[in-house]
Every structure is written in structure tokens, then in C-alpha cells.
Amino acid sequence: MTIIPAIDIIEGKCVRLTQGDYMQKKVYNENPLEVAKQFEASGIIRLHLVDLDGARAGRIINWKVLENIAAKTTLAIDFGGGIKTEKDIEIIFDSGAVIATIGSIAIKQAELFYQWLQKYGGEKILLGADVKDEKMVIHGWTEQTETDIFDFLQENINQGLKQAFCTDVSKDGLLQGPSLGLYKKIIEKFPDLYFIASGGVSSLNDLVQLKEIGCKGVIVGKAIYEGKIKIKDLQI
């Protein structure tokens, strides 16, 4: 299982939100590159980089942060937040991301997302599925849909999707443990999907359990920044 630390960016700084609420923002480091280098030094090979300003504005804003980290580390970076057009995807790939993370567009403009899957391939596109009560949530978790997570994943797999991460928004940022039951169901239903867990990780034991149920990767954020999990312990 690949450990994928997250760096969320607001105004060029490394922050974390609680349950996606911009009013519950905590700045952990003024310099995201410094954080990324700490991850790299501990043997981490992947990074989940999120442009929260971009996600809110509907356009990429913090691509310079991506460019800086990509140029000065060896981390394989997936980048998301504000990707709305093919030009946005080209910008992030040109800036050093190896994978584009797409969320709301995959629901709101499914045909466009399918085109991207076919053009770039399933290895270059990571679907971010935010879920509450097994239904998709979009637009920074402000809008609940009637779209079932299992139907949604099946439709996208039919179009060439190969990798996805799922965040249970009721768990994210609370350090109360991940949604093992939901993730187990997804993995059993879609065994060929490269499935990444996200949200709620609070301890090394959570990581062990996620590995045991078959997660291929896990995104870890607040638990690292709050000292619940030490970076040096992430190689499980």
C-alpha cells in the first residue's frame, strides 16, 4: 500500500481544513516545499497536492507551488483543485504533475471527463469521489447529489477509469478513523480499480487496517500535521 501525504494549499501556504470548511482553516507551514522535502527525505514517493484556492475559485491558482515542488523534489505528484478545462490539465502536467485529480467535473460534465480519460489514459487521471451516506457530494462538499457511489464508479470504469480515491466527508479532518466498511465494499465490487482511501486516518493502526482490506493507497493529512502519525513511521 502506497502512503500518499497530502498538502493542501491556500495563499501559497500548507493548511488543513476540518470537514472542508474554509472557516476552519489551520496553517501548518508557510512553505509547502519544506514540507514536501521532509516527506521525500523519509522515503515517501507520492504526494497529493490540492489547490484549495483553485477549488473555491473554479480555476487553478497555486500552480507555481506545484512547479516549485516538482522541480525541487523527486515526488510523483497528483494535483487537483480548480481543474475545469483541458487547458488546466495541460498547465498542471507542464508544471510537473504526473496525475490530474478530477472531482466535481466528473459528475457535472461526465462526457467531458470521459473524453479526458480517453485522451490522457487512466494512468494520468485520478478520480476524487467525495461521499456522504454512499451518495456523491460536490462543490467543496456543499452540494449533496442523488448519485450512488457504486453506480458512479461503475460508469467511469466502463469509460476507462483505473484509479480513484474516496473521501467520506463525515470523517474527514476529525481524526476518528476511516470508513473501513465503505472502502471494503468498493474494493470487493471493483477489485481491478486502484483504490485509494482518504479521510479520517488518525493512527498507524488505521493504516494497517486499510492495508488489510486491500487499499492500494491511502492519503494521509491531518494525522501527520497534528503529530498523530510520525513521518518516519509511514513506511508500513
C-alpha atoms as a PDB file:
ATOM      1  CA  MET A   1       0.000   0.000   0.000  1.00  0.00           C
ATOM      2  CA  THR A   2       1.360   3.391  -1.009  1.00  0.00           C
ATOM      3  CA  ILE A   3       1.279   6.149   1.606  1.00  0.00           C
ATOM      4  CA  ILE A   4       0.357   9.453  -0.047  1.00  0.00           C
ATOM      5  CA  PRO A   5       0.732  12.505   2.202  1.00  0.00           C
ATOM      6  CA  ALA A   6      -1.476  15.473   1.368  1.00  0.00           C
ATOM      7  CA  ILE A   7      -0.500  19.108   1.120  1.00  0.00           C
ATOM      8  CA  ASP A   8      -3.451  21.486   0.861  1.00  0.00           C
ATOM      9  CA  ILE A   9      -2.648  24.995  -0.359  1.00  0.00           C
ATOM     10  CA  ILE A  10      -4.307  28.305   0.469  1.00  0.00           C
ATOM     11  CA  GLU A  11      -2.479  31.535  -0.441  1.00  0.00           C
ATOM     12  CA  GLY A  12       0.665  29.511  -1.094  1.00  0.00           C
ATOM     13  CA  LYS A  13       0.704  28.035   2.432  1.00  0.00           C
ATOM     14  CA  CYS A  14       0.301  24.480   3.704  1.00  0.00           C
ATOM     15  CA  VAL A  15      -3.045  24.278   5.526  1.00  0.00           C
ATOM     16  CA  ARG A  16      -5.686  21.791   6.613  1.00  0.00           C
ATOM     17  CA  LEU A  17      -9.421  22.290   6.803  1.00  0.00           C
ATOM     18  CA  THR A  18     -11.879  20.472   9.049  1.00  0.00           C
ATOM     19  CA  GLN A  19     -14.653  18.807   7.031  1.00  0.00           C
ATOM     20  CA  GLY A  20     -13.865  21.003   4.040  1.00  0.00           C
ATOM     21  CA  ASP A  21     -14.816  24.192   5.901  1.00  0.00           C
ATOM     22  CA  TYR A  22     -12.659  27.157   4.846  1.00  0.00           C
ATOM     23  CA  MET A  23     -13.622  28.882   8.100  1.00  0.00           C
ATOM     24  CA  GLN A  24     -11.946  26.017   9.985  1.00  0.00           C
ATOM     25  CA  LYS A  25      -8.519  26.543   8.473  1.00  0.00           C
ATOM     26  CA  LYS A  26      -5.215  25.907  10.213  1.00  0.00           C
ATOM     27  CA  VAL A  27      -1.879  26.937   8.694  1.00  0.00           C
ATOM     28  CA  TYR A  28       0.818  24.317   9.356  1.00  0.00           C
ATOM     29  CA  ASN A  29       3.685  25.712   7.320  1.00  0.00           C
ATOM     30  CA  GLU A  30       4.265  28.874   5.299  1.00  0.00           C
ATOM     31  CA  ASN A  31       6.480  26.905   2.914  1.00  0.00           C
ATOM     32  CA  PRO A  32       4.928  23.816   1.239  1.00  0.00           C
ATOM     33  CA  LEU A  33       8.262  22.924  -0.395  1.00  0.00           C
ATOM     34  CA  GLU A  34       9.784  22.489   3.059  1.00  0.00           C
ATOM     35  CA  VAL A  35       7.009  20.046   3.964  1.00  0.00           C
ATOM     36  CA  ALA A  36       7.399  18.153   0.682  1.00  0.00           C
ATOM     37  CA  LYS A  37      11.140  17.820   1.238  1.00  0.00           C
ATOM     38  CA  GLN A  38      10.502  16.334   4.685  1.00  0.00           C
ATOM     39  CA  PHE A  39       8.258  13.721   3.094  1.00  0.00           C
ATOM     40  CA  GLU A  40      10.845  12.969   0.420  1.00  0.00           C
ATOM     41  CA  ALA A  41      13.630  12.623   2.999  1.00  0.00           C
ATOM     42  CA  SER A  42      11.595   9.989   4.858  1.00  0.00           C
ATOM     43  CA  GLY A  43      11.285   7.813   1.746  1.00  0.00           C
ATOM     44  CA  ILE A  44       7.844   8.927   0.583  1.00  0.00           C
ATOM     45  CA  ILE A  45       7.455   8.754  -3.211  1.00  0.00           C
ATOM     46  CA  ARG A  46       3.947  10.174  -3.810  1.00  0.00           C
ATOM     47  CA  LEU A  47       2.296  13.483  -2.957  1.00  0.00           C
ATOM     48  CA  HIS A  48      -1.350  14.576  -3.098  1.00  0.00           C
ATOM     49  CA  LEU A  49      -1.319  18.329  -3.742  1.00  0.00           C
ATOM     50  CA  VAL A  50      -4.598  20.240  -3.532  1.00  0.00           C
ATOM     51  CA  ASP A  51      -5.166  23.831  -4.643  1.00  0.00           C
ATOM     52  CA  LEU A  52      -7.934  24.860  -2.238  1.00  0.00           C
ATOM     53  CA  ASP A  53      -7.963  28.410  -3.606  1.00  0.00           C
ATOM     54  CA  GLY A  54      -8.425  26.903  -7.058  1.00  0.00           C
ATOM     55  CA  ALA A  55     -11.179  24.590  -5.901  1.00  0.00           C
ATOM     56  CA  ARG A  56     -13.107  27.535  -4.498  1.00  0.00           C
ATOM     57  CA  ALA A  57     -12.468  29.835  -7.467  1.00  0.00           C
ATOM     58  CA  GLY A  58     -13.074  27.218 -10.170  1.00  0.00           C
ATOM     59  CA  ARG A  59      -9.673  27.806 -11.771  1.00  0.00           C
ATOM     60  CA  ILE A  60      -6.104  26.772 -10.980  1.00  0.00           C
ATOM     61  CA  ILE A  61      -4.384  29.346  -8.777  1.00  0.00           C
ATOM     62  CA  ASN A  62      -1.447  27.709  -6.982  1.00  0.00           C
ATOM     63  CA  TRP A  63       0.275  26.065  -9.960  1.00  0.00           C
ATOM     64  CA  LYS A  64       3.535  27.818  -9.031  1.00  0.00           C
ATOM     65  CA  VAL A  65       3.623  25.798  -5.802  1.00  0.00           C
ATOM     66  CA  LEU A  66       3.281  22.640  -7.874  1.00  0.00           C
ATOM     67  CA  GLU A  67       6.028  23.785 -10.220  1.00  0.00           C
ATOM     68  CA  ASN A  68       8.372  24.506  -7.306  1.00  0.00           C
ATOM     69  CA  ILE A  69       7.824  21.167  -5.548  1.00  0.00           C
ATOM     70  CA  ALA A  70       8.057  19.198  -8.799  1.00  0.00           C
ATOM     71  CA  ALA A  71      11.314  20.918  -9.746  1.00  0.00           C
ATOM     72  CA  LYS A  72      12.977  20.526  -6.351  1.00  0.00           C
ATOM     73  CA  THR A  73      11.868  17.034  -5.253  1.00  0.00           C
ATOM     74  CA  THR A  74      11.516  13.605  -6.873  1.00  0.00           C
ATOM     75  CA  LEU A  75       7.961  13.146  -5.578  1.00  0.00           C
ATOM     76  CA  ALA A  76       5.353  11.866  -8.035  1.00  0.00           C
ATOM     77  CA  ILE A  77       2.623  14.471  -7.624  1.00  0.00           C
ATOM     78  CA  ASP A  78      -1.081  14.258  -8.273  1.00  0.00           C
ATOM     79  CA  PHE A  79      -2.623  17.731  -8.387  1.00  0.00           C
ATOM     80  CA  GLY A  80      -6.228  18.793  -8.036  1.00  0.00           C
ATOM     81  CA  GLY A  81      -8.367  21.827  -7.312  1.00  0.00           C
ATOM     82  CA  GLY A  82      -9.843  24.100  -9.950  1.00  0.00           C
ATOM     83  CA  ILE A  83      -9.305  21.838 -12.964  1.00  0.00           C
ATOM     84  CA  LYS A  84     -12.203  22.682 -15.289  1.00  0.00           C
ATOM     85  CA  THR A  85     -10.771  22.623 -18.804  1.00  0.00           C
ATOM     86  CA  GLU A  86      -8.298  20.708 -20.919  1.00  0.00           C
ATOM     87  CA  LYS A  87      -6.029  23.757 -20.773  1.00  0.00           C
ATOM     88  CA  ASP A  88      -5.966  23.385 -16.964  1.00  0.00           C
ATOM     89  CA  ILE A  89      -4.825  19.786 -17.329  1.00  0.00           C
ATOM     90  CA  GLU A  90      -2.057  20.843 -19.709  1.00  0.00           C
ATOM     91  CA  ILE A  91      -0.952  23.548 -17.241  1.00  0.00           C
ATOM     92  CA  ILE A  92      -0.562  21.096 -14.376  1.00  0.00           C
ATOM     93  CA  PHE A  93       1.223  18.489 -16.488  1.00  0.00           C
ATOM     94  CA  ASP A  94       3.551  21.212 -17.829  1.00  0.00           C
ATOM     95  CA  SER A  95       4.139  22.303 -14.213  1.00  0.00           C
ATOM     96  CA  GLY A  96       5.315  18.825 -13.203  1.00  0.00           C
ATOM     97  CA  ALA A  97       2.272  16.871 -12.014  1.00  0.00           C
ATOM     98  CA  VAL A  98       2.187  13.264 -13.193  1.00  0.00           C
ATOM     99  CA  ILE A  99      -1.522  12.789 -12.444  1.00  0.00           C
ATOM    100  CA  ALA A 100      -4.510  15.160 -12.682  1.00  0.00           C
ATOM    101  CA  THR A 101      -7.063  14.822  -9.895  1.00  0.00           C
ATOM    102  CA  ILE A 102     -10.631  15.492 -11.048  1.00  0.00           C
ATOM    103  CA  GLY A 103     -13.698  15.772  -8.840  1.00  0.00           C
ATOM    104  CA  SER A 104     -16.951  17.652  -9.487  1.00  0.00           C
ATOM    105  CA  ILE A 105     -16.482  17.815 -13.275  1.00  0.00           C
ATOM    106  CA  ALA A 106     -16.835  14.021 -13.429  1.00  0.00           C
ATOM    107  CA  ILE A 107     -20.424  14.403 -12.216  1.00  0.00           C
ATOM    108  CA  LYS A 108     -21.392  17.768 -13.675  1.00  0.00           C
ATOM    109  CA  GLN A 109     -19.821  17.195 -17.099  1.00  0.00           C
ATOM    110  CA  ALA A 110     -19.468  13.443 -17.363  1.00  0.00           C
ATOM    111  CA  GLU A 111     -18.947  13.394 -21.129  1.00  0.00           C
ATOM    112  CA  LEU A 112     -16.059  15.852 -20.836  1.00  0.00           C
ATOM    113  CA  PHE A 113     -14.480  13.695 -18.137  1.00  0.00           C
ATOM    114  CA  TYR A 114     -14.839  10.618 -20.349  1.00  0.00           C
ATOM    115  CA  GLN A 115     -13.041  12.495 -23.128  1.00  0.00           C
ATOM    116  CA  TRP A 116     -10.162  13.247 -20.761  1.00  0.00           C
ATOM    117  CA  LEU A 117      -9.960   9.617 -19.705  1.00  0.00           C
ATOM    118  CA  GLN A 118      -9.747   8.548 -23.319  1.00  0.00           C
ATOM    119  CA  LYS A 119      -7.254  11.249 -24.330  1.00  0.00           C
ATOM    120  CA  TYR A 120      -4.816  11.007 -21.410  1.00  0.00           C
ATOM    121  CA  GLY A 121      -5.440   7.427 -20.262  1.00  0.00           C
ATOM    122  CA  GLY A 122      -6.482   6.008 -16.926  1.00  0.00           C
ATOM    123  CA  GLU A 123      -2.932   6.212 -15.543  1.00  0.00           C
ATOM    124  CA  LYS A 124      -2.896  10.024 -15.839  1.00  0.00           C
ATOM    125  CA  ILE A 125      -6.327  10.781 -14.376  1.00  0.00           C
ATOM    126  CA  LEU A 126      -7.281  10.236 -10.720  1.00  0.00           C
ATOM    127  CA  LEU A 127     -10.955  10.494  -9.829  1.00  0.00           C
ATOM    128  CA  GLY A 128     -11.671  12.096  -6.476  1.00  0.00           C
ATOM    129  CA  ALA A 129     -15.028  10.876  -5.186  1.00  0.00           C
ATOM    130  CA  ASP A 130     -16.418  12.691  -2.148  1.00  0.00           C
ATOM    131  CA  VAL A 131     -19.168  10.712  -0.466  1.00  0.00           C
ATOM    132  CA  LYS A 132     -21.734  11.061   2.306  1.00  0.00           C
ATOM    133  CA  ASP A 133     -24.123   8.186   3.067  1.00  0.00           C
ATOM    134  CA  GLU A 134     -22.867   6.472  -0.127  1.00  0.00           C
ATOM    135  CA  LYS A 135     -24.050   9.417  -2.261  1.00  0.00           C
ATOM    136  CA  MET A 136     -21.727  11.752  -4.143  1.00  0.00           C
ATOM    137  CA  VAL A 137     -21.037  15.217  -2.717  1.00  0.00           C
ATOM    138  CA  ILE A 138     -19.674  18.006  -4.932  1.00  0.00           C
ATOM    139  CA  HIS A 139     -18.555  21.641  -4.969  1.00  0.00           C
ATOM    140  CA  GLY A 140     -16.384  21.517  -1.869  1.00  0.00           C
ATOM    141  CA  TRP A 141     -18.890  19.267  -0.104  1.00  0.00           C
ATOM    142  CA  THR A 142     -21.591  21.946  -0.228  1.00  0.00           C
ATOM    143  CA  GLU A 143     -23.937  20.047  -2.552  1.00  0.00           C
ATOM    144  CA  GLN A 144     -25.204  16.505  -1.982  1.00  0.00           C
ATOM    145  CA  THR A 145     -26.315  14.616  -5.074  1.00  0.00           C
ATOM    146  CA  GLU A 146     -28.513  11.556  -5.550  1.00  0.00           C
ATOM    147  CA  THR A 147     -25.695   9.809  -7.421  1.00  0.00           C
ATOM    148  CA  ASP A 148     -24.786   6.489  -5.831  1.00  0.00           C
ATOM    149  CA  ILE A 149     -21.018   5.968  -5.392  1.00  0.00           C
ATOM    150  CA  PHE A 150     -21.121   2.413  -6.743  1.00  0.00           C
ATOM    151  CA  ASP A 151     -23.073   3.339  -9.886  1.00  0.00           C
ATOM    152  CA  PHE A 152     -20.802   6.330 -10.385  1.00  0.00           C
ATOM    153  CA  LEU A 153     -17.613   4.275 -10.182  1.00  0.00           C
ATOM    154  CA  GLN A 154     -19.020   1.593 -12.488  1.00  0.00           C
ATOM    155  CA  GLU A 155     -19.924   4.150 -15.161  1.00  0.00           C
ATOM    156  CA  ASN A 156     -16.426   5.637 -15.054  1.00  0.00           C
ATOM    157  CA  ILE A 157     -14.676   2.257 -15.053  1.00  0.00           C
ATOM    158  CA  ASN A 158     -16.674   1.458 -18.187  1.00  0.00           C
ATOM    159  CA  GLN A 159     -15.092   4.574 -19.732  1.00  0.00           C
ATOM    160  CA  GLY A 160     -11.527   3.618 -18.805  1.00  0.00           C
ATOM    161  CA  LEU A 161     -11.118   4.801 -15.216  1.00  0.00           C
ATOM    162  CA  LYS A 162      -8.278   2.948 -13.498  1.00  0.00           C
ATOM    163  CA  GLN A 163      -7.698   4.829 -10.234  1.00  0.00           C
ATOM    164  CA  ALA A 164      -9.840   6.665  -7.714  1.00  0.00           C
ATOM    165  CA  PHE A 165      -9.783   7.900  -4.173  1.00  0.00           C
ATOM    166  CA  CYS A 166     -12.831   8.200  -1.999  1.00  0.00           C
ATOM    167  CA  THR A 167     -13.305  10.628   0.890  1.00  0.00           C
ATOM    168  CA  ASP A 168     -16.135  10.094   3.351  1.00  0.00           C
ATOM    169  CA  VAL A 169     -16.840  13.734   4.181  1.00  0.00           C
ATOM    170  CA  SER A 170     -18.383  12.803   7.517  1.00  0.00           C
ATOM    171  CA  LYS A 171     -14.956  11.540   8.604  1.00  0.00           C
ATOM    172  CA  ASP A 172     -12.503  13.971   7.044  1.00  0.00           C
ATOM    173  CA  GLY A 173     -10.410  16.110   9.353  1.00  0.00           C
ATOM    174  CA  LEU A 174     -11.899  14.650  12.523  1.00  0.00           C
ATOM    175  CA  LEU A 175      -9.160  12.064  13.256  1.00  0.00           C
ATOM    176  CA  GLN A 176     -11.833   9.496  14.170  1.00  0.00           C
ATOM    177  CA  GLY A 177     -10.795   6.694  11.833  1.00  0.00           C
ATOM    178  CA  PRO A 178     -11.545   5.947   8.166  1.00  0.00           C
ATOM    179  CA  SER A 179     -14.706   4.439   6.631  1.00  0.00           C
ATOM    180  CA  LEU A 180     -13.469   0.871   6.515  1.00  0.00           C
ATOM    181  CA  GLY A 181     -16.896  -0.587   5.752  1.00  0.00           C
ATOM    182  CA  LEU A 182     -17.477   1.656   2.746  1.00  0.00           C
ATOM    183  CA  TYR A 183     -13.983   1.092   1.374  1.00  0.00           C
ATOM    184  CA  LYS A 184     -14.242  -2.670   1.796  1.00  0.00           C
ATOM    185  CA  LYS A 185     -17.472  -2.671  -0.239  1.00  0.00           C
ATOM    186  CA  ILE A 186     -15.856  -0.614  -3.008  1.00  0.00           C
ATOM    187  CA  ILE A 187     -12.782  -2.871  -3.160  1.00  0.00           C
ATOM    188  CA  GLU A 188     -14.891  -6.044  -3.249  1.00  0.00           C
ATOM    189  CA  LYS A 189     -17.120  -4.651  -6.004  1.00  0.00           C
ATOM    190  CA  PHE A 190     -14.262  -3.236  -8.115  1.00  0.00           C
ATOM    191  CA  PRO A 191     -11.208  -5.452  -7.489  1.00  0.00           C
ATOM    192  CA  ASP A 192      -9.304  -4.117 -10.523  1.00  0.00           C
ATOM    193  CA  LEU A 193      -9.647  -0.468  -9.507  1.00  0.00           C
ATOM    194  CA  TYR A 194      -6.525   1.125  -7.991  1.00  0.00           C
ATOM    195  CA  PHE A 195      -8.390   2.292  -4.908  1.00  0.00           C
ATOM    196  CA  ILE A 196      -7.027   4.946  -2.539  1.00  0.00           C
ATOM    197  CA  ALA A 197      -8.610   5.634   0.856  1.00  0.00           C
ATOM    198  CA  SER A 198      -8.902   9.209   2.105  1.00  0.00           C
ATOM    199  CA  GLY A 199     -10.253  10.863   5.225  1.00  0.00           C
ATOM    200  CA  GLY A 200     -10.294  10.073   8.916  1.00  0.00           C
ATOM    201  CA  VAL A 201      -6.890   8.398   9.266  1.00  0.00           C
ATOM    202  CA  SER A 202      -5.731   9.004  12.830  1.00  0.00           C
ATOM    203  CA  SER A 203      -3.177   6.310  13.678  1.00  0.00           C
ATOM    204  CA  LEU A 204      -0.794   3.704  12.336  1.00  0.00           C
ATOM    205  CA  ASN A 205      -3.414   1.092  13.205  1.00  0.00           C
ATOM    206  CA  ASP A 206      -5.817   2.760  10.750  1.00  0.00           C
ATOM    207  CA  LEU A 207      -3.155   2.346   8.056  1.00  0.00           C
ATOM    208  CA  VAL A 208      -2.685  -1.317   8.913  1.00  0.00           C
ATOM    209  CA  GLN A 209      -6.449  -1.930   8.689  1.00  0.00           C
ATOM    210  CA  LEU A 210      -6.699  -0.135   5.342  1.00  0.00           C
ATOM    211  CA  LYS A 211      -3.882  -2.276   4.006  1.00  0.00           C
ATOM    212  CA  GLU A 212      -5.582  -5.438   5.277  1.00  0.00           C
ATOM    213  CA  ILE A 213      -8.850  -4.708   3.440  1.00  0.00           C
ATOM    214  CA  GLY A 214      -6.957  -4.223   0.182  1.00  0.00           C
ATOM    215  CA  CYS A 215      -6.478  -0.484  -0.320  1.00  0.00           C
ATOM    216  CA  LYS A 216      -3.733   0.181  -2.870  1.00  0.00           C
ATOM    217  CA  GLY A 217      -3.002   3.585  -1.375  1.00  0.00           C
ATOM    218  CA  VAL A 218      -4.046   5.958   1.388  1.00  0.00           C
ATOM    219  CA  ILE A 219      -3.996   9.735   1.548  1.00  0.00           C
ATOM    220  CA  VAL A 220      -2.880  10.981   4.959  1.00  0.00           C
ATOM    221  CA  GLY A 221      -3.187  14.604   6.007  1.00  0.00           C
ATOM    222  CA  LYS A 222      -4.162  15.987   9.365  1.00  0.00           C
ATOM    223  CA  ALA A 223      -2.833  12.994  11.332  1.00  0.00           C
ATOM    224  CA  ILE A 224       0.686  13.883  10.163  1.00  0.00           C
ATOM    225  CA  TYR A 225       0.382  17.590  10.842  1.00  0.00           C
ATOM    226  CA  GLU A 226      -1.127  17.033  14.288  1.00  0.00           C
ATOM    227  CA  GLY A 227       1.625  14.571  15.211  1.00  0.00           C
ATOM    228  CA  LYS A 228      -0.686  11.541  15.482  1.00  0.00           C
ATOM    229  CA  ILE A 229       1.471   9.743  12.902  1.00  0.00           C
ATOM    230  CA  LYS A 230       5.192  10.412  12.608  1.00  0.00           C
ATOM    231  CA  ILE A 231       6.539  10.807   9.079  1.00  0.00           C
ATOM    232  CA  LYS A 232       9.323   8.328   9.837  1.00  0.00           C
ATOM    233  CA  ASP A 233       6.709   5.666  10.662  1.00  0.00           C
ATOM    234  CA  LEU A 234       4.881   5.908   7.346  1.00  0.00           C
ATOM    235  CA  GLN A 235       6.735   3.091   5.607  1.00  0.00           C
ATOM    236  CA  ILE A 236       4.375   0.256   6.532  1.00  0.00           C
END
